[in-house]
């Protein structure tokens, strides 16, 4: 039995591993870690030009980052500057902004014709 560094695994194998870890996190209720692996999976699918899967995974992860409604998405995009004083809260809002930006980027890529 030989363990390979993650970097030496192919993308499909990394997808399988990350999927299993995400499933385990969901089973034991580690929602923040689940969100982390869903975003990681999203990036892996994006690497193999599966933008639809990447978008859906990021959208699913957004729920665990406290982005349950479009109204909240807009508030995060417009109101991140108003968060002051609490550094941890500010970092959380920045992470939420990043998730929303990724969702918008994936949505735009889904609407663009594929280049050969």
Protein backbone atom coordinates (compact mmCIF):
# COMPACT_ATOMS: atom_id res chain seq x y z
CA UNK A 1 0.00 0.00 0.00
CA UNK A 2 1.63 3.23 -1.17
CA UNK A 3 0.44 6.73 -0.27
CA UNK A 4 0.92 9.35 -2.97
CA UNK A 5 1.08 13.07 -2.31
CA UNK A 6 -2.13 14.75 -3.41
CA UNK A 7 -0.24 16.68 -6.09
CA UNK A 8 0.67 13.39 -7.80
CA UNK A 9 -2.94 12.25 -8.07
CA UNK A 10 -4.87 12.97 -11.25
CA UNK A 11 -7.77 15.40 -11.20
CA UNK A 12 -10.37 12.62 -11.28
CA UNK A 13 -8.76 10.93 -8.26
CA UNK A 14 -8.58 14.24 -6.39
CA UNK A 15 -12.28 14.75 -7.15
CA UNK A 16 -13.07 11.32 -5.71
CA UNK A 17 -11.03 11.96 -2.56
CA UNK A 18 -12.46 15.44 -1.99
CA UNK A 19 -15.99 14.12 -2.60
CA UNK A 20 -15.53 11.41 0.00
CA UNK A 21 -14.12 13.88 2.53
CA UNK A 22 -17.03 16.26 1.85
CA UNK A 23 -19.50 13.42 2.37
CA UNK A 24 -17.83 12.50 5.64
CA UNK A 25 -17.94 16.12 6.80
CA UNK A 26 -21.64 16.26 6.00
CA UNK A 27 -22.28 12.99 7.85
CA UNK A 28 -20.63 14.21 11.05
CA UNK A 29 -22.01 17.74 10.83
CA UNK A 30 -18.80 19.65 10.10
CA UNK A 31 -20.54 22.23 7.91
CA UNK A 32 -17.71 24.75 7.63
CA UNK A 33 -15.29 22.01 6.57
CA UNK A 34 -17.95 20.68 4.17
CA UNK A 35 -18.17 24.15 2.61
CA UNK A 36 -14.38 24.23 2.27
CA UNK A 37 -14.33 20.91 0.40
CA UNK A 38 -17.30 21.89 -1.77
CA UNK A 39 -15.36 24.97 -2.88
CA UNK A 40 -12.27 22.83 -3.42
CA UNK A 41 -14.33 20.44 -5.57
CA UNK A 42 -15.70 23.42 -7.46
CA UNK A 43 -12.16 24.47 -8.36
CA UNK A 44 -11.27 20.94 -9.46
CA UNK A 45 -14.32 20.75 -11.73
CA UNK A 46 -13.47 24.17 -13.11
CA UNK A 47 -9.96 22.89 -13.91
CA UNK A 48 -11.50 20.24 -16.16
CA UNK A 49 -13.88 22.75 -17.80
CA UNK A 50 -17.01 21.54 -16.01
CA UNK A 51 -18.36 25.01 -15.25
CA UNK A 52 -21.90 23.80 -14.54
CA UNK A 53 -20.68 21.44 -11.82
CA UNK A 54 -18.34 24.13 -10.46
CA UNK A 55 -21.19 26.63 -10.28
CA UNK A 56 -23.55 24.18 -8.57
CA UNK A 57 -20.94 23.19 -5.99
CA UNK A 58 -20.14 26.81 -5.18
CA UNK A 59 -23.83 27.56 -4.91
CA UNK A 60 -24.24 24.62 -2.54
CA UNK A 61 -21.25 25.77 -0.48
CA UNK A 62 -22.67 29.30 -0.28
CA UNK A 63 -25.45 28.00 1.97
CA UNK A 64 -22.87 27.02 4.58
CA UNK A 65 -21.24 30.44 4.35
CA UNK A 66 -24.48 32.12 5.41
CA UNK A 67 -25.57 33.16 1.92
CA UNK A 68 -29.05 31.67 1.89
CA UNK A 69 -30.91 34.33 -0.09
CA UNK A 70 -30.31 36.65 -2.99
CA UNK A 71 -31.26 39.60 -0.80
CA UNK A 72 -28.44 38.67 1.54
CA UNK A 73 -26.06 38.26 -1.43
CA UNK A 74 -26.78 41.81 -2.53
CA UNK A 75 -26.38 43.09 1.04
CA UNK A 76 -23.01 41.37 1.29
CA UNK A 77 -21.83 42.81 -2.02
CA UNK A 78 -22.94 46.34 -1.12
CA UNK A 79 -22.48 46.37 2.64
CA UNK A 80 -19.10 44.74 3.27
CA UNK A 81 -17.56 48.21 3.75
CA UNK A 82 -19.98 49.02 6.57
CA UNK A 83 -18.66 46.21 8.76
CA UNK A 84 -16.11 47.73 11.09
CA UNK A 85 -14.67 47.04 14.50
CA UNK A 86 -14.98 43.26 14.59
CA UNK A 87 -12.07 41.91 12.53
CA UNK A 88 -13.39 38.32 12.53
CA UNK A 89 -16.80 39.45 11.27
CA UNK A 90 -15.10 41.58 8.64
CA UNK A 91 -13.07 38.57 7.43
CA UNK A 92 -16.26 36.51 7.30
CA UNK A 93 -17.94 39.16 5.14
CA UNK A 94 -14.90 39.23 2.86
CA UNK A 95 -15.14 35.46 2.46
CA UNK A 96 -18.84 35.80 1.67
CA UNK A 97 -17.99 38.44 -0.95
CA UNK A 98 -15.46 36.05 -2.48
CA UNK A 99 -18.07 33.27 -2.69
CA UNK A 100 -20.58 35.58 -4.38
CA UNK A 101 -17.89 36.77 -6.81
CA UNK A 102 -17.04 33.14 -7.67
CA UNK A 103 -20.72 32.42 -8.29
CA UNK A 104 -21.00 35.40 -10.62
CA UNK A 105 -17.82 34.40 -12.45
CA UNK A 106 -19.05 30.82 -12.93
CA UNK A 107 -22.43 32.08 -14.13
CA UNK A 108 -20.74 34.34 -16.67
CA UNK A 109 -18.56 31.47 -17.90
CA UNK A 110 -21.64 29.30 -18.36
CA UNK A 111 -23.09 31.93 -20.68
CA UNK A 112 -19.94 32.35 -22.77
CA UNK A 113 -19.42 30.14 -25.82
CA UNK A 114 -16.61 27.65 -25.39
CA UNK A 115 -13.39 28.62 -27.14
CA UNK A 116 -11.48 25.96 -29.05
